[in-house]
Protein backbone atom coordinates (compact mmCIF):
# COMPACT_ATOMS: atom_id res chain seq x y z
CA MET A 1 -0.03 18.15 -25.46
CA ARG A 2 -2.54 17.06 -22.82
CA ALA A 3 -3.96 14.31 -25.07
CA SER A 4 -0.46 12.90 -25.51
CA ARG A 5 0.09 12.98 -21.74
CA LEU A 6 -3.21 11.21 -21.06
CA ILE A 7 -2.23 8.43 -23.46
CA SER A 8 1.16 8.16 -21.75
CA LEU A 9 -0.48 7.93 -18.33
CA LEU A 10 -2.85 5.23 -19.56
CA LEU A 11 -0.02 3.20 -21.12
CA LEU A 12 2.08 3.51 -17.95
CA LEU A 13 -0.74 2.06 -15.84
CA GLN A 14 -1.33 -0.60 -18.47
CA ALA A 15 2.34 -1.61 -18.46
CA ARG A 16 3.11 -1.43 -14.72
CA GLY A 17 -0.18 -2.39 -13.09
CA SER A 18 -0.16 0.15 -10.28
CA MET A 19 1.60 3.49 -9.75
CA THR A 20 1.32 6.22 -7.15
CA ALA A 21 0.60 9.83 -8.03
CA SER A 22 4.21 10.79 -7.22
CA GLU A 23 5.56 8.03 -9.48
CA LEU A 24 3.31 9.10 -12.34
CA ALA A 25 4.26 12.75 -11.82
CA ARG A 26 7.96 11.85 -11.98
CA GLU A 27 7.53 9.79 -15.15
CA LEU A 28 5.38 12.38 -16.90
CA GLU A 29 7.42 15.35 -15.57
CA VAL A 30 4.35 17.13 -14.20
CA SER A 31 3.00 17.98 -10.73
CA GLU A 32 0.94 15.56 -8.67
CA ARG A 33 -1.97 18.00 -8.96
CA THR A 34 -1.79 17.58 -12.75
CA VAL A 35 -1.83 13.80 -12.33
CA TYR A 36 -5.00 14.04 -10.22
CA ARG A 37 -6.70 16.14 -12.92
CA ASP A 38 -5.58 13.75 -15.69
CA VAL A 39 -6.91 10.72 -13.81
CA LEU A 40 -10.29 12.45 -13.42
CA ALA A 41 -10.27 13.22 -17.17
CA LEU A 42 -9.59 9.57 -18.03
CA SER A 43 -12.33 8.42 -15.71
CA ALA A 44 -14.78 10.90 -17.24
CA ALA A 45 -13.89 9.52 -20.69
CA GLY A 46 -14.91 6.01 -19.60
CA VAL A 47 -11.48 4.58 -18.76
CA PRO A 48 -11.89 2.38 -15.64
CA VAL A 49 -9.05 3.86 -13.55
CA TYR A 50 -9.38 3.84 -9.78
CA ALA A 51 -7.26 4.49 -6.69
CA ASP A 52 -6.24 2.11 -3.91
CA ARG A 53 -5.91 3.82 -0.54
CA GLY A 54 -3.18 3.22 2.01
CA ARG A 55 0.62 3.02 2.03
CA ALA A 56 0.72 0.36 -0.72
CA GLY A 57 -1.96 2.12 -2.75
CA GLY A 58 -1.85 3.76 -6.14
CA TYR A 59 -3.76 4.10 -9.36
CA ARG A 60 -4.63 1.04 -11.41
CA LEU A 61 -6.86 -0.03 -14.31
CA LEU A 62 -9.88 -2.13 -13.45
CA GLY A 63 -10.21 -5.70 -14.68
CA GLY A 64 -7.18 -5.88 -16.94
CA TYR A 65 -8.40 -3.02 -19.14
CA ARG A 66 -6.33 -2.65 -22.33
CA THR A 67 -6.31 0.06 -24.93
CA ARG A 68 -5.62 -0.19 -28.64
CA LEU A 69 -2.78 1.90 -30.07
CA THR A 70 -5.09 4.42 -31.67
CA GLY A 71 -3.15 7.38 -30.25
CA LEU A 72 0.04 6.72 -32.23
CA THR A 73 1.20 9.22 -34.82
CA ARG A 74 2.78 8.03 -38.08
CA ASP A 75 6.27 9.00 -36.86
CA GLU A 76 5.76 7.07 -33.62
CA ALA A 77 4.48 3.97 -35.42
CA GLU A 78 7.40 3.94 -37.85
CA ALA A 79 9.88 4.48 -35.01
CA LEU A 80 8.49 1.39 -33.27
CA PHE A 81 9.29 -0.76 -36.29
CA LEU A 82 12.77 0.75 -36.58
CA ALA A 83 13.43 -0.69 -33.11
CA GLY A 84 12.89 -4.16 -34.55
CA LEU A 85 15.40 -3.92 -37.41
CA PRO A 86 16.98 -7.32 -38.17
CA GLY A 87 20.39 -7.85 -36.63
CA PRO A 88 21.17 -7.56 -32.90
CA ALA A 89 17.83 -8.96 -31.67
CA GLY A 90 18.18 -11.95 -33.99
CA GLU A 91 21.76 -12.59 -32.85
CA MET A 92 20.53 -12.77 -29.25
CA GLY A 93 17.92 -15.35 -30.25
CA LEU A 94 15.01 -12.90 -30.12
CA ALA A 95 14.10 -12.77 -33.83
CA GLU A 96 10.88 -14.75 -33.28
CA ALA A 97 9.86 -12.61 -30.31
CA VAL A 98 10.48 -9.40 -32.26
CA ALA A 99 8.46 -10.67 -35.22
CA SER A 100 5.59 -11.71 -32.92
CA ALA A 101 5.61 -8.33 -31.17
CA GLU A 102 5.56 -6.53 -34.51
CA LEU A 103 2.52 -8.53 -35.60
CA LYS A 104 0.67 -7.62 -32.40
CA VAL A 105 1.54 -3.94 -32.74
CA LEU A 106 0.52 -4.06 -36.39
CA ALA A 107 -2.86 -5.61 -35.48
CA ALA A 108 -3.48 -2.84 -32.95
CA LEU A 109 -2.68 0.00 -35.36
CA PRO A 110 -5.46 1.82 -37.19
CA PRO A 111 -5.66 0.97 -40.94
CA ALA A 112 -4.07 4.28 -41.97
CA LEU A 113 -0.80 3.34 -40.22
CA ARG A 114 -0.48 -0.31 -41.20
CA ASP A 115 2.09 0.46 -43.88
CA ALA A 116 4.53 1.59 -41.15
CA PRO A 117 6.71 -1.58 -41.15
CA ALA A 118 7.01 -1.56 -44.94
CA ARG A 119 7.95 2.13 -45.00
CA ALA A 120 10.58 1.66 -42.28
CA GLY A 121 12.04 -1.44 -43.96
CA GLN A 122 12.28 0.28 -47.33
CA ARG A 123 14.10 3.29 -45.90
CA PHE A 124 16.44 2.01 -43.18
CA HIS A 125 18.75 -0.97 -42.78
CA LEU A 126 21.08 -1.57 -39.83
CA ASP A 127 24.42 -3.19 -40.78
CA VAL A 128 26.18 -3.43 -37.43
CA PRO A 129 29.57 -5.11 -38.08
CA GLY A 130 32.52 -3.02 -39.23
CA TRP A 131 33.99 -3.50 -42.69
CA PHE A 132 36.00 -6.69 -43.29
CA ARG A 133 34.65 -8.40 -40.16
CA GLU A 134 33.01 -11.74 -39.64
CA THR A 135 29.25 -11.34 -39.47
CA ALA A 136 28.40 -14.59 -37.67
CA PRO A 137 27.28 -13.94 -34.06
CA PRO A 138 29.26 -15.53 -31.20
CA PRO A 139 27.90 -19.05 -30.54
CA ARG A 140 27.34 -18.42 -26.81
CA LEU A 141 25.46 -15.15 -27.27
CA PRO A 142 21.86 -16.54 -27.06
CA GLU A 143 22.65 -18.38 -23.80
CA LEU A 144 24.14 -15.24 -22.28
CA ALA A 145 21.18 -13.14 -23.47
CA ARG A 146 18.74 -15.50 -21.72
CA ALA A 147 20.80 -15.30 -18.52
CA VAL A 148 20.80 -11.49 -18.73
CA TRP A 149 17.02 -11.40 -19.18
CA THR A 150 16.36 -13.80 -16.28
CA ASP A 151 19.06 -12.51 -13.86
CA ARG A 152 20.67 -15.95 -13.61
CA VAL A 153 24.24 -16.51 -12.41
CA VAL A 154 26.54 -18.08 -15.04
CA GLU A 155 29.82 -19.96 -14.97
CA LEU A 156 31.97 -18.68 -17.84
CA ARG A 157 34.86 -20.48 -19.44
CA TYR A 158 36.81 -17.72 -21.10
CA ARG A 159 39.83 -17.62 -23.39
CA ARG A 160 42.41 -15.15 -22.12
CA GLY A 161 45.52 -15.12 -24.29
CA ASP A 162 46.82 -18.67 -24.51
CA ARG A 163 45.03 -19.92 -21.39
CA GLU A 164 41.50 -20.63 -20.24
CA VAL A 165 39.94 -19.14 -17.11
CA THR A 166 36.66 -19.78 -15.30
CA ARG A 167 34.60 -17.01 -13.75
CA ARG A 168 31.33 -16.95 -11.80
CA VAL A 169 29.48 -13.94 -13.20
CA GLN A 170 26.26 -12.08 -12.51
CA PRO A 171 25.44 -10.99 -16.09
CA TYR A 172 24.16 -7.40 -15.99
CA GLY A 173 23.99 -6.62 -19.69
CA LEU A 174 25.21 -7.04 -23.26
CA VAL A 175 26.77 -4.30 -25.38
CA LEU A 176 27.26 -4.34 -29.15
CA LYS A 177 30.20 -2.14 -30.21
CA SER A 178 31.42 -1.98 -33.83
CA GLY A 179 30.10 -5.47 -34.54
CA VAL A 180 31.64 -7.00 -31.38
CA TRP A 181 29.48 -8.20 -28.48
CA TYR A 182 30.60 -7.64 -24.87
CA LEU A 183 29.18 -9.03 -21.62
CA VAL A 184 29.15 -6.68 -18.63
CA GLY A 185 28.79 -8.52 -15.33
CA ARG A 186 29.61 -8.47 -11.67
CA VAL A 187 32.36 -10.77 -10.39
CA GLY A 188 32.54 -10.50 -6.62
CA ALA A 189 32.63 -6.78 -5.83
CA ASP A 190 33.87 -5.77 -9.30
CA VAL A 191 32.03 -5.06 -12.55
CA ARG A 192 33.99 -6.55 -15.45
CA THR A 193 33.70 -6.77 -19.23
CA TYR A 194 34.20 -9.87 -21.39
CA ARG A 195 34.27 -10.25 -25.17
CA VAL A 196 31.54 -12.76 -25.98
CA ASP A 197 33.46 -14.27 -28.91
CA ARG A 198 36.14 -15.36 -26.40
CA VAL A 199 33.64 -17.23 -24.24
CA ILE A 200 34.26 -20.97 -24.70
CA GLY A 201 31.49 -22.31 -22.49
CA VAL A 202 28.48 -21.09 -20.51
CA GLU A 203 26.72 -22.89 -17.68
CA VAL A 204 23.56 -21.10 -16.57
CA ASN A 205 22.85 -21.81 -12.91
CA ASP A 206 19.44 -22.10 -11.27
CA GLU A 207 20.58 -19.38 -8.88
CA HIS A 208 19.12 -15.92 -9.40
CA PHE A 209 20.98 -12.78 -8.36
CA ASP A 210 19.60 -9.48 -7.09
CA ARG A 211 20.32 -6.86 -9.70
CA ASP A 212 21.55 -3.46 -8.55
CA GLU A 213 18.67 -1.36 -9.89
CA GLY A 214 20.85 1.74 -9.76
CA PHE A 215 23.34 0.29 -12.24
CA ASP A 216 23.37 2.29 -15.50
CA LEU A 217 24.65 0.03 -18.29
CA ALA A 218 25.01 2.81 -20.88
CA GLY A 219 26.74 5.15 -18.42
CA HIS A 220 29.06 2.39 -17.20
CA TRP A 221 30.01 1.48 -20.77
CA ARG A 222 30.81 5.09 -21.70
CA GLU A 223 33.01 5.50 -18.65
CA GLN A 224 34.83 2.19 -19.09
CA ALA A 225 35.33 2.64 -22.83
CA GLY A 226 36.90 6.05 -22.27
CA SER A 227 39.10 4.76 -19.44
CA PHE A 228 40.18 1.75 -21.52
CA LEU A 229 41.25 3.92 -24.44
CA ARG A 230 43.17 6.28 -22.17
CA THR A 231 45.03 3.45 -20.43
CA MET A 232 46.13 2.14 -23.83
CA LEU A 233 47.81 5.45 -24.66
CA ARG A 234 50.95 4.93 -22.58
CA ALA A 235 53.46 6.84 -24.71
CA GLU A 236 53.66 10.31 -26.22
CA VAL A 237 55.30 11.71 -29.34
CA ALA A 238 55.99 15.27 -30.43
CA VAL A 239 55.10 16.13 -34.01
CA ARG A 240 54.95 19.10 -36.35
CA LEU A 241 51.89 19.07 -38.58
CA SER A 242 50.95 20.95 -41.73
CA PRO A 243 47.35 22.24 -42.00
CA ALA A 244 46.53 19.25 -44.22
CA GLY A 245 48.25 16.88 -41.79
CA LEU A 246 46.27 18.27 -38.88
CA ARG A 247 43.01 17.67 -40.75
CA GLN A 248 44.00 14.16 -41.85
CA LEU A 249 45.14 13.16 -38.36
CA ARG A 250 41.50 13.05 -37.25
CA HIS A 251 41.00 9.90 -39.37
CA LEU A 252 44.13 8.13 -38.06
CA VAL A 253 43.79 8.33 -34.27
CA ASP A 254 41.76 5.67 -32.46
CA ALA A 255 39.72 7.91 -30.14
CA PRO A 256 38.03 11.25 -30.88
CA PHE A 257 39.15 12.76 -27.57
CA VAL A 258 42.80 12.29 -28.61
CA TYR A 259 42.34 14.57 -31.60
CA ASP A 260 40.23 17.09 -29.67
CA ASP A 261 42.79 17.31 -26.84
CA LEU A 262 45.65 17.63 -29.34
CA VAL A 263 44.00 20.51 -31.19
CA ALA A 264 43.16 22.29 -27.93
CA ALA A 265 46.76 22.02 -26.67
CA ALA A 266 48.54 22.69 -29.98
CA GLY A 267 50.75 25.76 -30.24
CA GLU A 268 50.22 28.71 -32.56
CA PRO A 269 50.86 28.01 -36.27
CA ASP A 270 54.27 29.12 -37.59
CA GLY A 271 54.82 31.16 -40.72
CA GLN A 272 54.00 28.16 -42.93
CA GLY A 273 50.85 27.30 -40.99
CA TRP A 274 52.41 24.25 -39.30
CA VAL A 275 51.73 23.52 -35.60
CA VAL A 276 53.71 21.63 -32.99
CA ALA A 277 51.72 19.22 -30.83
CA ARG A 278 52.11 16.26 -28.50
CA LEU A 279 50.19 13.13 -29.42
CA PRO A 280 49.38 10.32 -26.92
CA VAL A 281 49.94 6.91 -28.54
CA GLU A 282 49.82 3.25 -27.63
CA SER A 283 53.51 2.70 -28.45
CA VAL A 284 56.26 3.96 -30.75
CA PRO A 285 55.68 1.20 -33.36
CA VAL A 286 51.93 1.95 -33.39
CA ALA A 287 52.65 5.67 -33.75
CA TYR A 288 54.97 4.91 -36.67
CA HIS A 289 52.24 3.08 -38.59
CA GLN A 290 49.61 5.72 -37.76
CA LEU A 291 51.70 8.75 -38.69
CA LEU A 292 53.25 7.19 -41.76
CA GLY A 293 49.90 7.67 -43.46
CA LEU A 294 50.39 11.43 -43.29
CA GLY A 295 53.48 11.26 -45.51
CA PRO A 296 55.17 14.66 -45.92
CA GLU A 297 52.43 16.42 -43.92
CA VAL A 298 54.06 15.47 -40.61
CA GLU A 299 57.53 15.83 -39.11
CA VAL A 300 58.39 13.74 -36.06
CA LEU A 301 60.32 15.74 -33.46
CA ASP A 302 60.51 13.29 -30.57
CA PRO A 303 61.35 10.58 -29.53
CA PRO A 304 64.62 10.09 -31.46
CA GLU A 305 63.77 6.41 -32.06
CA LEU A 306 60.61 7.31 -33.98
CA ARG A 307 62.41 10.07 -35.89
CA ARG A 308 65.05 7.54 -37.01
CA MET A 309 62.32 5.15 -38.19
CA PHE A 310 60.83 7.91 -40.37
CA ALA A 311 64.24 8.91 -41.72
CA GLU A 312 64.97 5.29 -42.72
CA SER A 313 61.55 5.03 -44.41
CA ALA A 314 62.18 8.28 -46.28
CA ASP A 315 65.54 6.97 -47.52
CA ARG A 316 63.99 3.69 -48.68
CA LEU A 317 61.16 5.49 -50.44
CA ALA A 318 63.56 7.88 -52.14
CA ALA A 319 65.66 4.95 -53.35
CA LEU A 320 62.58 3.12 -54.56
CA TYR A 321 61.22 6.05 -56.60
CA ARG A 322 64.46 7.73 -57.60
């Protein structure tokens, strides 16, 4: 445990240049007293770590000292090469950088671990796009990725419906969801999301913006994705579901929380095991196409319009197969 922590401390100093004892303690999740002891242990082992005094002081490595990756376990080495799986990095124009980084990591590994990339490549493959989707990346993605990396303001020309709009955006990050790339950026005081495949043009300005270091891209995306799905569900239908219908419904609704909420709020099963529940839906026509897949395992109770649509479909099916 301590050996692993010492390696982590050494790599933190190597990566960040200088860190205070409190910063190291926070990163390593230990006390400052433990940090002091670990620094002394590194120094005793011949690692040239020293402390700068004063308000701007901290621990640093002397003379650009670098360590080889001799402390990696096999699992850690293979996990590193999983991070470089072909796909998203290449779409952002980083394939060459990833390959170069892999070569450098490979050169630093001890001989016993140099089969790590081959083992990872033989066992795992990342196929990001959903089924029946185009696999070509959006043409403007590499430009946007460079702007995200360099914190450069961009002028976006964006296709919205049948019109084109222009937005001045501070690009905070890119998100890949089900094979679709999204740009998350600040426009004025708001943080907005744009589908990258709808971006017509990108002009990267010389102007840099000050990134809000407290912005959590993953947390923001989770919150916005959930809010977006909930705002889409503007209607509600009442249904009666058989046990089989209740199980199959999980595969027909668009968001997992819809199914979880429905099950939690469903009434007690009747004598045949059927339950009555209310299902939030995007619209009545969408609900018709979703629920039709359940066939005789669902009975629509409300609204009357949807019930009539099912009755007409039942009559047509009966006539077709009679």
